[in-house]
Amino acid sequence: MSNEIIRDDSPAEYNLSRRKVLLGGVVLIGSSYLGPTLPAWADSLQNASYTNQFMQLSTLLVNHKLDKNVGLRLAAAMQTSKRLTPQQVTDLLGIASAKNAKIVEDFFPDIPDGPLKVAALEIISAWYKGVLVDAPDAEVFTYELALMYQPTIDVMTIPSYAISGPNGWTSHAPPLADMPEF
């Protein structure tokens, strides 16, 4: 046993116990580890909501099977290029919901002329063309899955160095297939 006297001259509000120091260290280390990732989580949740709404709107505007990966890229590109805002997607879905729309013809005439109608037309155009703008230097989001390419997919080859199409190294063209349902 030691008869050592521990002297603490500090005021009571500055007195730290080992438990408080340990708890403070855990909070500090935890916040430094999770802190930078929390805004990314919030952004990804917000983007997930936007992309889900974009896919829901695209399904209403385009009456074909749509690839979700292409939709994710189109949604991100349209938002980045400021061609489409999350508010416009919400407004267009609101118009469709008010009309109980199942297909584009159910609500498209009710979209007011102006930025909303332009946004709806750009979504439709992007799905068919696979690009956002019709320019020689446009970024291609999809070629094979672009809806405009689907009727000719069996006879038109994707531009490639291969003779009969991508991964097709024969000189003979493949036989025609039935008209695809998309």
Protein backbone atom coordinates (compact mmCIF):
# COMPACT_ATOMS: atom_id res chain seq x y z
CA MET A 1 0.00 0.00 0.00
CA SER A 2 1.29 3.30 -0.79
CA ASN A 3 0.39 6.34 1.13
CA GLU A 4 1.02 8.54 -1.81
CA ILE A 5 -1.21 11.57 -1.90
CA ILE A 6 -2.56 12.44 -5.29
CA ARG A 7 -2.89 16.09 -5.62
CA ASP A 8 -5.23 17.54 -8.16
CA ASP A 9 -5.26 21.30 -8.32
CA SER A 10 -7.43 21.54 -11.41
CA PRO A 11 -11.03 22.71 -11.16
CA ALA A 12 -13.69 19.99 -11.15
CA GLU A 13 -14.93 20.81 -14.69
CA TYR A 14 -11.43 20.15 -16.10
CA ASN A 15 -10.93 16.94 -14.17
CA LEU A 16 -10.65 14.03 -16.58
CA SER A 17 -11.03 10.47 -15.56
CA ARG A 18 -9.45 7.67 -17.55
CA ARG A 19 -12.92 6.64 -18.67
CA LYS A 20 -13.60 10.09 -20.13
CA VAL A 21 -10.23 10.12 -21.88
CA LEU A 22 -10.87 6.67 -23.33
CA LEU A 23 -14.39 7.58 -24.46
CA GLY A 24 -13.14 10.81 -26.01
CA GLY A 25 -10.43 8.92 -27.88
CA VAL A 26 -12.93 6.43 -29.28
CA VAL A 27 -15.21 9.24 -30.45
CA LEU A 28 -12.29 11.14 -31.99
CA ILE A 29 -10.92 8.11 -33.82
CA GLY A 30 -14.39 7.02 -34.91
CA SER A 31 -15.33 10.43 -36.23
CA SER A 32 -12.05 10.78 -38.10
CA TYR A 33 -12.61 7.37 -39.67
CA LEU A 34 -16.32 7.79 -40.51
CA GLY A 35 -16.46 11.55 -40.95
CA PRO A 36 -15.28 11.77 -44.55
CA THR A 37 -17.48 8.89 -45.65
CA LEU A 38 -20.74 10.18 -44.17
CA PRO A 39 -21.32 12.87 -46.83
CA ALA A 40 -20.62 10.24 -49.50
CA TRP A 41 -23.26 7.99 -47.96
CA ALA A 42 -25.72 10.86 -47.90
CA ASP A 43 -24.93 11.70 -51.54
CA SER A 44 -25.27 8.08 -52.63
CA LEU A 45 -28.64 7.80 -50.86
CA GLN A 46 -29.79 11.01 -52.52
CA ASN A 47 -28.49 9.82 -55.90
CA ALA A 48 -30.15 6.43 -55.41
CA SER A 49 -33.46 8.18 -54.94
CA TYR A 50 -32.86 10.33 -58.04
CA THR A 51 -31.80 7.38 -60.20
CA ASN A 52 -34.76 5.30 -59.03
CA GLN A 53 -37.09 8.15 -59.93
CA PHE A 54 -35.27 8.57 -63.26
CA MET A 55 -35.76 4.88 -64.09
CA GLN A 56 -39.42 5.06 -63.03
CA LEU A 57 -39.93 8.10 -65.27
CA SER A 58 -38.00 6.50 -68.14
CA THR A 59 -40.19 3.40 -67.92
CA LEU A 60 -43.24 5.62 -68.26
CA LEU A 61 -41.77 7.68 -71.12
CA VAL A 62 -40.33 4.78 -73.13
CA ASN A 63 -42.42 1.68 -73.63
CA HIS A 64 -39.56 -0.82 -73.92
CA LYS A 65 -37.38 -2.89 -71.64
CA LEU A 66 -34.71 -0.53 -70.35
CA ASP A 67 -31.29 -1.52 -69.08
CA LYS A 68 -30.76 -0.27 -65.52
CA ASN A 69 -26.99 0.24 -65.96
CA VAL A 70 -27.55 2.43 -69.00
CA GLY A 71 -30.21 4.31 -67.04
CA LEU A 72 -27.80 4.94 -64.19
CA ARG A 73 -25.25 6.41 -66.58
CA LEU A 74 -27.85 8.50 -68.40
CA ALA A 75 -29.31 9.82 -65.14
CA ALA A 76 -25.90 10.83 -63.86
CA ALA A 77 -24.90 12.42 -67.16
CA MET A 78 -28.17 14.34 -67.48
CA GLN A 79 -27.84 15.66 -63.94
CA THR A 80 -24.16 16.54 -64.37
CA SER A 81 -24.79 18.36 -67.65
CA LYS A 82 -27.75 20.17 -66.03
CA ARG A 83 -30.10 18.86 -68.72
CA LEU A 84 -32.32 17.37 -66.02
CA THR A 85 -32.78 18.30 -62.39
CA PRO A 86 -34.17 16.09 -59.63
CA GLN A 87 -37.03 18.61 -59.28
CA GLN A 88 -37.98 18.13 -62.96
CA VAL A 89 -38.02 14.35 -62.48
CA THR A 90 -40.25 14.78 -59.43
CA ASP A 91 -42.56 17.18 -61.31
CA LEU A 92 -42.85 14.84 -64.31
CA LEU A 93 -43.60 11.89 -62.04
CA GLY A 94 -46.20 14.04 -60.27
CA ILE A 95 -47.96 14.73 -63.58
CA ALA A 96 -47.86 11.02 -64.46
CA SER A 97 -49.13 10.08 -61.02
CA ALA A 98 -51.99 12.57 -61.24
CA LYS A 99 -53.07 10.92 -64.49
CA ASN A 100 -52.52 7.35 -63.19
CA ALA A 101 -50.28 6.93 -66.20
CA LYS A 102 -49.07 3.49 -67.28
CA ILE A 103 -47.63 4.58 -70.64
CA VAL A 104 -46.37 7.83 -72.12
CA GLU A 105 -49.58 8.55 -74.01
CA ASP A 106 -51.47 8.74 -70.71
CA PHE A 107 -49.66 11.84 -69.47
CA PHE A 108 -47.41 13.35 -72.15
CA PRO A 109 -50.08 15.78 -73.51
CA ASP A 110 -50.48 17.16 -69.97
CA ILE A 111 -46.81 18.13 -69.63
CA PRO A 112 -46.68 21.92 -70.04
CA ASP A 113 -44.57 23.32 -72.86
CA GLY A 114 -41.21 24.58 -71.68
CA PRO A 115 -38.40 23.06 -69.63
CA LEU A 116 -40.46 20.08 -68.42
CA LYS A 117 -41.46 19.00 -71.92
CA VAL A 118 -37.91 19.56 -73.17
CA ALA A 119 -36.58 17.40 -70.32
CA ALA A 120 -39.07 14.62 -71.13
CA LEU A 121 -38.13 14.72 -74.81
CA GLU A 122 -34.41 14.62 -73.96
CA ILE A 123 -34.92 11.52 -71.79
CA ILE A 124 -36.73 9.78 -74.65
CA SER A 125 -34.09 10.89 -77.15
CA ALA A 126 -31.23 9.68 -74.96
CA TRP A 127 -32.73 6.20 -74.61
CA TYR A 128 -33.22 5.89 -78.38
CA LYS A 129 -29.92 7.42 -79.51
CA GLY A 130 -27.65 6.29 -76.67
CA VAL A 131 -26.19 9.81 -76.46
CA LEU A 132 -27.35 13.03 -74.82
CA VAL A 133 -26.57 15.33 -77.73
CA ASP A 134 -26.44 14.69 -81.44
CA ALA A 135 -22.91 15.89 -82.11
CA PRO A 136 -19.81 14.28 -83.60
CA ASP A 137 -17.97 14.51 -80.29
CA ALA A 138 -20.89 13.32 -78.15
CA GLU A 139 -20.22 10.84 -75.38
CA VAL A 140 -21.82 7.49 -76.20
CA PHE A 141 -23.59 5.87 -73.25
CA THR A 142 -24.71 2.81 -75.11
CA TYR A 143 -24.60 1.65 -78.68
CA GLU A 144 -25.72 -1.93 -78.55
CA LEU A 145 -28.54 -1.18 -76.10
CA ALA A 146 -29.70 2.05 -77.77
CA LEU A 147 -33.34 1.52 -78.74
CA MET A 148 -32.79 2.91 -82.24
CA TYR A 149 -30.27 0.14 -82.92
CA GLN A 150 -32.51 -2.74 -81.83
CA PRO A 151 -34.53 -3.26 -85.07
CA THR A 152 -31.32 -3.56 -87.11
CA ILE A 153 -29.18 -5.43 -84.59
CA ASP A 154 -29.10 -8.59 -86.72
CA VAL A 155 -27.89 -6.95 -89.94
CA MET A 156 -25.98 -3.87 -88.85
CA THR A 157 -22.64 -4.35 -87.22
CA ILE A 158 -21.31 -2.19 -84.47
CA PRO A 159 -18.36 -0.21 -85.84
CA SER A 160 -15.37 -2.34 -85.07
CA TYR A 161 -12.19 -3.70 -86.52
CA ALA A 162 -13.79 -7.15 -86.52
CA ILE A 163 -15.16 -8.27 -89.87
CA SER A 164 -18.69 -9.28 -88.93
CA GLY A 165 -19.09 -7.39 -85.67
CA PRO A 166 -17.57 -7.31 -82.21
CA ASN A 167 -15.96 -10.65 -81.46
CA GLY A 168 -16.98 -11.83 -84.88
CA TRP A 169 -13.87 -12.74 -86.82
CA THR A 170 -15.50 -14.60 -89.70
CA SER A 171 -16.00 -13.17 -93.17
CA HIS A 172 -19.55 -14.45 -93.47
CA ALA A 173 -22.34 -12.40 -91.99
CA PRO A 174 -24.50 -14.20 -89.43
CA PRO A 175 -28.00 -15.21 -90.60
CA LEU A 176 -30.87 -12.83 -90.03
CA ALA A 177 -32.70 -13.25 -86.78
CA ASP A 178 -36.36 -12.71 -85.99
CA MET A 179 -37.44 -9.16 -85.22
CA PRO A 180 -36.42 -8.56 -81.60
CA GLU A 181 -39.02 -7.69 -79.01
CA PHE A 182 -37.74 -4.90 -76.88
